[in-house]
PDB file of all heavy atoms in Angstrom:
ATOM      1  N   ALA A   1       0.830  -1.213   0.000  1.00  0.00           N
ATOM      2  CA  ALA A   1       0.000   0.000   0.000  1.00  0.00           C
ATOM      3  C   ALA A   1       0.862   1.259   0.000  1.00  0.00           C
ATOM      4  O   ALA A   1       0.484   2.277  -0.575  1.00  0.00           O
ATOM      5  CB  ALA A   1      -0.948  -0.005   1.195  1.00  0.00           C
ATOM      6  N   VAL A   2       2.015   1.171   0.627  1.00  0.00           N
ATOM      7  CA  VAL A   2       2.929   2.314   0.693  1.00  0.00           C
ATOM      8  C   VAL A   2       3.807   2.403  -0.557  1.00  0.00           C
ATOM      9  O   VAL A   2       4.044   3.483  -1.089  1.00  0.00           O
ATOM     10  CB  VAL A   2       3.817   2.222   1.962  1.00  0.00           C
ATOM     11  CG1 VAL A   2       4.923   3.263   1.953  1.00  0.00           C
ATOM     12  CG2 VAL A   2       2.966   2.356   3.213  1.00  0.00           C
ATOM     13  N   ASP A   3       4.276   1.239  -1.055  1.00  0.00           N
ATOM     14  CA  ASP A   3       5.293   1.196  -2.108  1.00  0.00           C
ATOM     15  C   ASP A   3       4.780   1.111  -3.542  1.00  0.00           C
ATOM     16  O   ASP A   3       5.490   1.471  -4.466  1.00  0.00           O
ATOM     17  CB  ASP A   3       6.216  -0.019  -1.908  1.00  0.00           C
ATOM     18  CG  ASP A   3       6.980   0.036  -0.600  1.00  0.00           C
ATOM     19  OD1 ASP A   3       7.117   1.126  -0.029  1.00  0.00           O
ATOM     20  OD2 ASP A   3       7.443  -1.035  -0.158  1.00  0.00           O
ATOM     21  N   LYS A   4       3.590   0.582  -3.751  1.00  0.00           N
ATOM     22  CA  LYS A   4       3.138   0.266  -5.110  1.00  0.00           C
ATOM     23  C   LYS A   4       2.061   1.229  -5.590  1.00  0.00           C
ATOM     24  O   LYS A   4       1.009   1.362  -4.975  1.00  0.00           O
ATOM     25  CB  LYS A   4       2.580  -1.170  -5.177  1.00  0.00           C
ATOM     26  CG  LYS A   4       3.525  -2.233  -4.645  1.00  0.00           C
ATOM     27  CD  LYS A   4       4.811  -2.303  -5.444  1.00  0.00           C
ATOM     28  CE  LYS A   4       5.713  -3.399  -4.908  1.00  0.00           C
ATOM     29  NZ  LYS A   4       7.028  -3.364  -5.474  1.00  0.00           N
ATOM     30  N   VAL A   5       2.315   1.865  -6.729  1.00  0.00           N
ATOM     31  CA  VAL A   5       1.350   2.824  -7.271  1.00  0.00           C
ATOM     32  C   VAL A   5       0.058   2.131  -7.704  1.00  0.00           C
ATOM     33  O   VAL A   5      -0.993   2.768  -7.771  1.00  0.00           O
ATOM     34  CB  VAL A   5       1.944   3.625  -8.452  1.00  0.00           C
ATOM     35  CG1 VAL A   5       3.105   4.483  -7.988  1.00  0.00           C
ATOM     36  CG2 VAL A   5       2.372   2.718  -9.585  1.00  0.00           C
ATOM     37  N   TRP A   6       0.118   0.831  -7.986  1.00  0.00           N
ATOM     38  CA  TRP A   6      -1.061   0.089  -8.430  1.00  0.00           C
ATOM     39  C   TRP A   6      -1.928  -0.396  -7.271  1.00  0.00           C
ATOM     40  O   TRP A   6      -3.019  -0.916  -7.500  1.00  0.00           O
ATOM     41  CB  TRP A   6      -0.666  -1.091  -9.320  1.00  0.00           C
ATOM     42  CG  TRP A   6       0.429  -1.967  -8.766  1.00  0.00           C
ATOM     43  CD1 TRP A   6       1.747  -1.912  -9.095  1.00  0.00           C
ATOM     44  CD2 TRP A   6       0.294  -3.012  -7.792  1.00  0.00           C
ATOM     45  NE1 TRP A   6       2.449  -2.866  -8.385  1.00  0.00           N
ATOM     46  CE2 TRP A   6       1.577  -3.560  -7.572  1.00  0.00           C
ATOM     47  CE3 TRP A   6      -0.773  -3.545  -7.079  1.00  0.00           C
ATOM     48  CZ2 TRP A   6       1.819  -4.603  -6.689  1.00  0.00           C
ATOM     49  CZ3 TRP A   6      -0.529  -4.595  -6.188  1.00  0.00           C
ATOM     50  CH2 TRP A   6       0.761  -5.100  -6.004  1.00  0.00           C
ATOM     51  N   TRP A   7      -1.491  -0.237  -6.029  1.00  0.00           N
ATOM     52  CA  TRP A   7      -2.238  -0.772  -4.891  1.00  0.00           C
ATOM     53  C   TRP A   7      -3.709  -0.324  -4.847  1.00  0.00           C
ATOM     54  O   TRP A   7      -4.586  -1.139  -4.543  1.00  0.00           O
ATOM     55  CB  TRP A   7      -1.540  -0.452  -3.573  1.00  0.00           C
ATOM     56  CG  TRP A   7      -2.290  -1.027  -2.409  1.00  0.00           C
ATOM     57  CD1 TRP A   7      -3.101  -0.366  -1.539  1.00  0.00           C
ATOM     58  CD2 TRP A   7      -2.360  -2.408  -2.022  1.00  0.00           C
ATOM     59  NE1 TRP A   7      -3.654  -1.228  -0.629  1.00  0.00           N
ATOM     60  CE2 TRP A   7      -3.212  -2.497  -0.908  1.00  0.00           C
ATOM     61  CE3 TRP A   7      -1.788  -3.579  -2.508  1.00  0.00           C
ATOM     62  CZ2 TRP A   7      -3.509  -3.699  -0.265  1.00  0.00           C
ATOM     63  CZ3 TRP A   7      -2.068  -4.775  -1.869  1.00  0.00           C
ATOM     64  CH2 TRP A   7      -2.934  -4.820  -0.759  1.00  0.00           C
ATOM     65  N   PRO A   8      -4.047   0.930  -5.163  1.00  0.00           N
ATOM     66  CA  PRO A   8      -5.468   1.338  -5.118  1.00  0.00           C
ATOM     67  C   PRO A   8      -6.369   0.541  -6.063  1.00  0.00           C
ATOM     68  O   PRO A   8      -7.588   0.511  -5.884  1.00  0.00           O
ATOM     69  CB  PRO A   8      -5.424   2.815  -5.522  1.00  0.00           C
ATOM     70  CG  PRO A   8      -4.054   3.260  -5.121  1.00  0.00           C
ATOM     71  CD  PRO A   8      -3.162   2.071  -5.390  1.00  0.00           C
ATOM     72  N   GLU A   9      -5.793  -0.154  -7.048  1.00  0.00           N
ATOM     73  CA  GLU A   9      -6.589  -0.975  -7.965  1.00  0.00           C
ATOM     74  C   GLU A   9      -7.061  -2.273  -7.315  1.00  0.00           C
ATOM     75  O   GLU A   9      -7.990  -2.907  -7.816  1.00  0.00           O
ATOM     76  CB  GLU A   9      -5.763  -1.339  -9.197  1.00  0.00           C
ATOM     77  CG  GLU A   9      -5.319  -0.181 -10.050  1.00  0.00           C
ATOM     78  CD  GLU A   9      -4.433  -0.650 -11.186  1.00  0.00           C
ATOM     79  OE1 GLU A   9      -4.871  -1.523 -11.961  1.00  0.00           O
ATOM     80  OE2 GLU A   9      -3.296  -0.142 -11.291  1.00  0.00           O
ATOM     81  N   VAL A  10      -6.414  -2.700  -6.219  1.00  0.00           N
ATOM     82  CA  VAL A  10      -6.721  -3.989  -5.601  1.00  0.00           C
ATOM     83  C   VAL A  10      -8.124  -3.966  -4.997  1.00  0.00           C
ATOM     84  O   VAL A  10      -8.458  -3.126  -4.178  1.00  0.00           O
ATOM     85  CB  VAL A  10      -5.682  -4.356  -4.515  1.00  0.00           C
ATOM     86  CG1 VAL A  10      -6.069  -5.650  -3.809  1.00  0.00           C
ATOM     87  CG2 VAL A  10      -4.289  -4.461  -5.120  1.00  0.00           C
ATOM     88  N   ALA A  11      -8.954  -4.924  -5.460  1.00  0.00           N
ATOM     89  CA  ALA A  11     -10.329  -5.034  -4.961  1.00  0.00           C
ATOM     90  C   ALA A  11     -10.606  -6.406  -4.362  1.00  0.00           C
ATOM     91  O   ALA A  11     -11.605  -6.597  -3.677  1.00  0.00           O
ATOM     92  CB  ALA A  11     -11.315  -4.764  -6.095  1.00  0.00           C
ATOM     93  N   ASP A  12      -9.718  -7.380  -4.642  1.00  0.00           N
ATOM     94  CA  ASP A  12      -9.954  -8.745  -4.186  1.00  0.00           C
ATOM     95  C   ASP A  12      -8.609  -9.423  -3.959  1.00  0.00           C
ATOM     96  O   ASP A  12      -7.620  -9.109  -4.629  1.00  0.00           O
ATOM     97  CB  ASP A  12     -10.751  -9.519  -5.244  1.00  0.00           C
ATOM     98  CG  ASP A  12     -11.083 -10.931  -4.789  1.00  0.00           C
ATOM     99  OD1 ASP A  12     -11.632 -11.087  -3.677  1.00  0.00           O
ATOM    100  OD2 ASP A  12     -10.781 -11.876  -5.535  1.00  0.00           O
ATOM    101  N   LEU A  13      -8.578 -10.339  -2.996  1.00  0.00           N
ATOM    102  CA  LEU A  13      -7.360 -11.094  -2.750  1.00  0.00           C
ATOM    103  C   LEU A  13      -7.711 -12.506  -2.342  1.00  0.00           C
ATOM    104  O   LEU A  13      -8.800 -12.776  -1.851  1.00  0.00           O
ATOM    105  CB  LEU A  13      -6.501 -10.422  -1.673  1.00  0.00           C
ATOM    106  CG  LEU A  13      -7.151 -10.147  -0.311  1.00  0.00           C
ATOM    107  CD1 LEU A  13      -6.934 -11.317   0.633  1.00  0.00           C
ATOM    108  CD2 LEU A  13      -6.545  -8.899   0.272  1.00  0.00           C
ATOM    109  N   SER A  14      -6.767 -13.408  -2.588  1.00  0.00           N
ATOM    110  CA  SER A  14      -6.949 -14.795  -2.162  1.00  0.00           C
ATOM    111  C   SER A  14      -5.638 -15.306  -1.582  1.00  0.00           C
ATOM    112  O   SER A  14      -4.568 -14.807  -1.912  1.00  0.00           O
ATOM    113  CB  SER A  14      -7.395 -15.672  -3.334  1.00  0.00           C
ATOM    114  OG  SER A  14      -6.404 -15.687  -4.338  1.00  0.00           O
ATOM    115  N   LEU A  15      -5.747 -16.290  -0.694  1.00  0.00           N
ATOM    116  CA  LEU A  15      -4.587 -16.875  -0.010  1.00  0.00           C
ATOM    117  C   LEU A  15      -4.568 -18.377  -0.188  1.00  0.00           C
ATOM    118  O   LEU A  15      -5.615 -19.021  -0.174  1.00  0.00           O
ATOM    119  CB  LEU A  15      -4.673 -16.617   1.501  1.00  0.00           C
ATOM    120  CG  LEU A  15      -4.350 -15.251   2.028  1.00  0.00           C
ATOM    121  CD1 LEU A  15      -4.666 -15.182   3.506  1.00  0.00           C
ATOM    122  CD2 LEU A  15      -2.898 -14.915   1.793  1.00  0.00           C
ATOM    123  N   GLU A  16      -3.366 -18.921  -0.304  1.00  0.00           N
ATOM    124  CA  GLU A  16      -3.162 -20.366  -0.317  1.00  0.00           C
ATOM    125  C   GLU A  16      -1.933 -20.623   0.556  1.00  0.00           C
ATOM    126  O   GLU A  16      -0.860 -20.093   0.281  1.00  0.00           O
ATOM    127  CB  GLU A  16      -2.911 -20.833  -1.753  1.00  0.00           C
ATOM    128  CG  GLU A  16      -2.753 -22.304  -1.922  1.00  0.00           C
ATOM    129  CD  GLU A  16      -2.540 -22.691  -3.388  1.00  0.00           C
ATOM    130  OE1 GLU A  16      -2.655 -21.829  -4.275  1.00  0.00           O
ATOM    131  OE2 GLU A  16      -2.243 -23.872  -3.618  1.00  0.00           O
ATOM    132  N   TRP A  17      -2.078 -21.418   1.618  1.00  0.00           N
ATOM    133  CA  TRP A  17      -0.990 -21.635   2.575  1.00  0.00           C
ATOM    134  C   TRP A  17      -0.167 -22.863   2.223  1.00  0.00           C
ATOM    135  O   TRP A  17      -0.702 -23.876   1.783  1.00  0.00           O
ATOM    136  CB  TRP A  17      -1.547 -21.780   3.981  1.00  0.00           C
ATOM    137  CG  TRP A  17      -1.999 -20.479   4.550  1.00  0.00           C
ATOM    138  CD1 TRP A  17      -3.269 -19.979   4.538  1.00  0.00           C
ATOM    139  CD2 TRP A  17      -1.196 -19.487   5.188  1.00  0.00           C
ATOM    140  NE1 TRP A  17      -3.306 -18.752   5.127  1.00  0.00           N
ATOM    141  CE2 TRP A  17      -2.032 -18.423   5.545  1.00  0.00           C
ATOM    142  CE3 TRP A  17       0.167 -19.394   5.493  1.00  0.00           C
ATOM    143  CZ2 TRP A  17      -1.573 -17.287   6.192  1.00  0.00           C
ATOM    144  CZ3 TRP A  17       0.627 -18.262   6.139  1.00  0.00           C
ATOM    145  CH2 TRP A  17      -0.238 -17.221   6.476  1.00  0.00           C
ATOM    146  N   PHE A  18       1.143 -22.759   2.464  1.00  0.00           N
ATOM    147  CA  PHE A  18       2.081 -23.858   2.269  1.00  0.00           C
ATOM    148  C   PHE A  18       2.847 -24.076   3.567  1.00  0.00           C
ATOM    149  O   PHE A  18       3.021 -23.152   4.362  1.00  0.00           O
ATOM    150  CB  PHE A  18       3.048 -23.543   1.123  1.00  0.00           C
ATOM    151  CG  PHE A  18       2.360 -23.494  -0.213  1.00  0.00           C
ATOM    152  CD1 PHE A  18       1.764 -22.319  -0.652  1.00  0.00           C
ATOM    153  CD2 PHE A  18       2.271 -24.625  -0.993  1.00  0.00           C
ATOM    154  CE1 PHE A  18       1.103 -22.268  -1.866  1.00  0.00           C
ATOM    155  CE2 PHE A  18       1.612 -24.591  -2.217  1.00  0.00           C
ATOM    156  CZ  PHE A  18       1.031 -23.417  -2.646  1.00  0.00           C
ATOM    157  N   ASP A  19       3.320 -25.312   3.766  1.00  0.00           N
ATOM    158  CA  ASP A  19       4.028 -25.661   4.996  1.00  0.00           C
ATOM    159  C   ASP A  19       5.431 -25.081   5.066  1.00  0.00           C
ATOM    160  O   ASP A  19       6.005 -24.976   6.142  1.00  0.00           O
ATOM    161  CB  ASP A  19       4.131 -27.179   5.154  1.00  0.00           C
ATOM    162  CG  ASP A  19       2.788 -27.809   5.460  1.00  0.00           C
ATOM    163  OD1 ASP A  19       1.902 -27.112   5.981  1.00  0.00           O
ATOM    164  OD2 ASP A  19       2.637 -29.010   5.183  1.00  0.00           O
ATOM    165  N   SER A  20       6.008 -24.716   3.932  1.00  0.00           N
ATOM    166  CA  SER A  20       7.377 -24.200   3.935  1.00  0.00           C
ATOM    167  C   SER A  20       7.521 -23.074   2.924  1.00  0.00           C
ATOM    168  O   SER A  20       6.753 -22.968   1.971  1.00  0.00           O
ATOM    169  CB  SER A  20       8.371 -25.313   3.607  1.00  0.00           C
ATOM    170  OG  SER A  20       8.235 -25.707   2.262  1.00  0.00           O
ATOM    171  N   LYS A  21       8.544 -22.269   3.149  1.00  0.00           N
ATOM    172  CA  LYS A  21       8.812 -21.163   2.237  1.00  0.00           C
ATOM    173  C   LYS A  21       9.207 -21.681   0.856  1.00  0.00           C
ATOM    174  O   LYS A  21       8.802 -21.126  -0.154  1.00  0.00           O
ATOM    175  CB  LYS A  21       9.914 -20.271   2.805  1.00  0.00           C
ATOM    176  CG  LYS A  21      10.184 -19.055   1.968  1.00  0.00           C
ATOM    177  CD  LYS A  21      11.186 -18.137   2.616  1.00  0.00           C
ATOM    178  CE  LYS A  21      11.422 -16.919   1.746  1.00  0.00           C
ATOM    179  NZ  LYS A  21      12.400 -16.006   2.348  1.00  0.00           N
ATOM    180  N   SER A  22       9.994 -22.771   0.804  1.00  0.00           N
ATOM    181  CA  SER A  22      10.425 -23.284  -0.497  1.00  0.00           C
ATOM    182  C   SER A  22       9.235 -23.769  -1.323  1.00  0.00           C
ATOM    183  O   SER A  22       9.193 -23.568  -2.537  1.00  0.00           O
ATOM    184  CB  SER A  22      11.467 -24.389  -0.339  1.00  0.00           C
ATOM    185  OG  SER A  22      10.951 -25.474   0.380  1.00  0.00           O
ATOM    186  N   GLU A  23       8.243 -24.388  -0.681  1.00  0.00           N
ATOM    187  CA  GLU A  23       7.041 -24.808  -1.405  1.00  0.00           C
ATOM    188  C   GLU A  23       6.278 -23.595  -1.931  1.00  0.00           C
ATOM    189  O   GLU A  23       5.791 -23.597  -3.063  1.00  0.00           O
ATOM    190  CB  GLU A  23       6.129 -25.629  -0.497  1.00  0.00           C
ATOM    191  CG  GLU A  23       6.684 -26.992  -0.158  1.00  0.00           C
ATOM    192  CD  GLU A  23       5.876 -27.701   0.926  1.00  0.00           C
ATOM    193  OE1 GLU A  23       5.232 -27.035   1.762  1.00  0.00           O
ATOM    194  OE2 GLU A  23       5.902 -28.936   0.920  1.00  0.00           O
ATOM    195  N   ALA A  24       6.171 -22.555  -1.106  1.00  0.00           N
ATOM    196  CA  ALA A  24       5.467 -21.337  -1.525  1.00  0.00           C
ATOM    197  C   ALA A  24       6.211 -20.640  -2.667  1.00  0.00           C
ATOM    198  O   ALA A  24       5.578 -20.152  -3.606  1.00  0.00           O
ATOM    199  CB  ALA A  24       5.293 -20.392  -0.338  1.00  0.00           C
ATOM    200  N   LEU A  25       7.542 -20.599  -2.596  1.00  0.00           N
ATOM    201  CA  LEU A  25       8.333 -19.985  -3.667  1.00  0.00           C
ATOM    202  C   LEU A  25       8.116 -20.705  -4.996  1.00  0.00           C
ATOM    203  O   LEU A  25       7.949 -20.072  -6.042  1.00  0.00           O
ATOM    204  CB  LEU A  25       9.816 -19.990  -3.314  1.00  0.00           C
ATOM    205  CG  LEU A  25      10.273 -18.926  -2.332  1.00  0.00           C
ATOM    206  CD1 LEU A  25      11.673 -19.248  -1.807  1.00  0.00           C
ATOM    207  CD2 LEU A  25      10.256 -17.553  -2.985  1.00  0.00           C
ATOM    208  N   ALA A  26       8.108 -22.035  -4.950  1.00  0.00           N
ATOM    209  CA  ALA A  26       7.898 -22.811  -6.172  1.00  0.00           C
ATOM    210  C   ALA A  26       6.492 -22.560  -6.725  1.00  0.00           C
ATOM    211  O   ALA A  26       6.315 -22.400  -7.939  1.00  0.00           O
ATOM    212  CB  ALA A  26       8.127 -24.292  -5.898  1.00  0.00           C
ATOM    213  N   ALA A  27       5.502 -22.516  -5.852  1.00  0.00           N
ATOM    214  CA  ALA A  27       4.124 -22.259  -6.285  1.00  0.00           C
ATOM    215  C   ALA A  27       3.991 -20.848  -6.854  1.00  0.00           C
ATOM    216  O   ALA A  27       3.273 -20.635  -7.841  1.00  0.00           O
ATOM    217  CB  ALA A  27       3.158 -22.459  -5.118  1.00  0.00           C
ATOM    218  N   GLU A  28       4.680 -19.888  -6.241  1.00  0.00           N
ATOM    219  CA  GLU A  28       4.652 -18.513  -6.743  1.00  0.00           C
ATOM    220  C   GLU A  28       5.225 -18.449  -8.157  1.00  0.00           C
ATOM    221  O   GLU A  28       4.628 -17.844  -9.056  1.00  0.00           O
ATOM    222  CB  GLU A  28       5.455 -17.602  -5.810  1.00  0.00           C
ATOM    223  CG  GLU A  28       5.558 -16.164  -6.303  1.00  0.00           C
ATOM    224  CD  GLU A  28       6.528 -15.337  -5.483  1.00  0.00           C
ATOM    225  OE1 GLU A  28       7.567 -15.874  -5.044  1.00  0.00           O
ATOM    226  OE2 GLU A  28       6.250 -14.142  -5.287  1.00  0.00           O
ATOM    227  N   ARG A  29       6.370 -19.088  -8.366  1.00  0.00           N
ATOM    228  CA  ARG A  29       7.001 -19.091  -9.680  1.00  0.00           C
ATOM    229  C   ARG A  29       6.070 -19.709 -10.730  1.00  0.00           C
ATOM    230  O   ARG A  29       5.875 -19.140 -11.809  1.00  0.00           O
ATOM    231  CB  ARG A  29       8.329 -19.855  -9.611  1.00  0.00           C
ATOM    232  CG  ARG A  29       9.118 -19.852 -10.896  1.00  0.00           C
ATOM    233  CD  ARG A  29      10.497 -20.508 -10.777  1.00  0.00           C
ATOM    234  NE  ARG A  29      10.470 -21.819 -10.156  1.00  0.00           N
ATOM    235  CZ  ARG A  29      10.896 -22.082  -8.900  1.00  0.00           C
ATOM    236  NH1 ARG A  29      11.382 -21.126  -8.148  1.00  0.00           N
ATOM    237  NH2 ARG A  29      10.828 -23.307  -8.416  1.00  0.00           N
ATOM    238  N   ARG A  30       5.446 -20.848 -10.396  1.00  0.00           N
ATOM    239  CA  ARG A  30       4.519 -21.496 -11.322  1.00  0.00           C
ATOM    240  C   ARG A  30       3.317 -20.594 -11.617  1.00  0.00           C
ATOM    241  O   ARG A  30       2.888 -20.467 -12.769  1.00  0.00           O
ATOM    242  CB  ARG A  30       4.032 -22.826 -10.763  1.00  0.00           C
ATOM    243  CG  ARG A  30       5.065 -23.935 -10.790  1.00  0.00           C
ATOM    244  CD  ARG A  30       4.465 -25.284 -10.439  1.00  0.00           C
ATOM    245  NE  ARG A  30       3.777 -25.307  -9.165  1.00  0.00           N
ATOM    246  CZ  ARG A  30       4.344 -25.589  -7.988  1.00  0.00           C
ATOM    247  NH1 ARG A  30       5.628 -25.861  -7.933  1.00  0.00           N
ATOM    248  NH2 ARG A  30       3.633 -25.598  -6.880  1.00  0.00           N
ATOM    249  N   ALA A  31       2.755 -19.972 -10.574  1.00  0.00           N
ATOM    250  CA  ALA A  31       1.569 -19.117 -10.744  1.00  0.00           C
ATOM    251  C   ALA A  31       1.880 -17.911 -11.625  1.00  0.00           C
ATOM    252  O   ALA A  31       1.092 -17.561 -12.514  1.00  0.00           O
ATOM    253  CB  ALA A  31       1.047 -18.666  -9.378  1.00  0.00           C
ATOM    254  N   ILE A  32       3.019 -17.283 -11.398  1.00  0.00           N
ATOM    255  CA  ILE A  32       3.371 -16.098 -12.199  1.00  0.00           C
ATOM    256  C   ILE A  32       3.563 -16.479 -13.654  1.00  0.00           C
ATOM    257  O   ILE A  32       3.055 -15.810 -14.565  1.00  0.00           O
ATOM    258  CB  ILE A  32       4.619 -15.400 -11.624  1.00  0.00           C
ATOM    259  CG1 ILE A  32       4.298 -14.800 -10.252  1.00  0.00           C
ATOM    260  CG2 ILE A  32       5.132 -14.324 -12.582  1.00  0.00           C
ATOM    261  CD1 ILE A  32       5.513 -14.316  -9.472  1.00  0.00           C
ATOM    262  N   ARG A  33       4.264 -17.583 -13.887  1.00  0.00           N
ATOM    263  CA  ARG A  33       4.499 -18.018 -15.269  1.00  0.00           C
ATOM    264  C   ARG A  33       3.198 -18.411 -15.967  1.00  0.00           C
ATOM    265  O   ARG A  33       3.004 -18.109 -17.140  1.00  0.00           O
ATOM    266  CB  ARG A  33       5.492 -19.171 -15.293  1.00  0.00           C
ATOM    267  CG  ARG A  33       6.899 -18.726 -14.989  1.00  0.00           C
ATOM    268  CD  ARG A  33       7.874 -19.870 -15.006  1.00  0.00           C
ATOM    269  NE  ARG A  33       9.228 -19.372 -14.771  1.00  0.00           N
ATOM    270  CZ  ARG A  33      10.226 -20.133 -14.387  1.00  0.00           C
ATOM    271  NH1 ARG A  33      10.054 -21.423 -14.200  1.00  0.00           N
ATOM    272  NH2 ARG A  33      11.418 -19.609 -14.190  1.00  0.00           N
ATOM    273  N   ALA A  34       2.308 -19.082 -15.256  1.00  0.00           N
ATOM    274  CA  ALA A  34       1.071 -19.574 -15.873  1.00  0.00           C
ATOM    275  C   ALA A  34      -0.006 -18.499 -15.988  1.00  0.00           C
ATOM    276  O   ALA A  34      -0.789 -18.507 -16.939  1.00  0.00           O
ATOM    277  CB  ALA A  34       0.527 -20.758 -15.066  1.00  0.00           C
ATOM    278  N   GLU A  35      -0.056 -17.567 -15.028  1.00  0.00           N
ATOM    279  CA  GLU A  35      -1.173 -16.623 -14.958  1.00  0.00           C
ATOM    280  C   GLU A  35      -0.825 -15.204 -15.400  1.00  0.00           C
ATOM    281  O   GLU A  35      -1.711 -14.377 -15.565  1.00  0.00           O
ATOM    282  CB  GLU A  35      -1.728 -16.625 -13.526  1.00  0.00           C
ATOM    283  CG  GLU A  35      -2.214 -17.999 -13.098  1.00  0.00           C
ATOM    284  CD  GLU A  35      -2.482 -18.099 -11.603  1.00  0.00           C
ATOM    285  OE1 GLU A  35      -3.041 -17.131 -11.039  1.00  0.00           O
ATOM    286  OE2 GLU A  35      -2.123 -19.129 -11.017  1.00  0.00           O
ATOM    287  N   SER A  36       0.447 -14.886 -15.567  1.00  0.00           N
ATOM    288  CA  SER A  36       0.922 -13.584 -16.054  1.00  0.00           C
ATOM    289  C   SER A  36       0.274 -12.381 -15.374  1.00  0.00           C
ATOM    290  O   SER A  36      -0.388 -11.561 -16.021  1.00  0.00           O
ATOM    291  CB  SER A  36       0.720 -13.476 -17.568  1.00  0.00           C
ATOM    292  OG  SER A  36       1.416 -14.500 -18.225  1.00  0.00           O
ATOM    293  N   PRO A  37       0.448 -12.222 -14.066  1.00  0.00           N
ATOM    294  CA  PRO A  37      -0.113 -11.043 -13.406  1.00  0.00           C
ATOM    295  C   PRO A  37       0.513  -9.752 -13.952  1.00  0.00           C
ATOM    296  O   PRO A  37       1.690  -9.725 -14.286  1.00  0.00           O
ATOM    297  CB  PRO A  37       0.245 -11.247 -11.929  1.00  0.00           C
ATOM    298  CG  PRO A  37       1.254 -12.331 -11.891  1.00  0.00           C
ATOM    299  CD  PRO A  37       1.202 -13.080 -13.175  1.00  0.00           C
TER     300      PRO A  37
END
């Protein structure tokens, strides 16, 4: 909210929890590549 000029556009968010940071990092990489935010 402080750093990103696009933050005011955010209207919805979703969460998916992982047991470890490495699992979350891998899922993040896959999501970005597949979904092109």
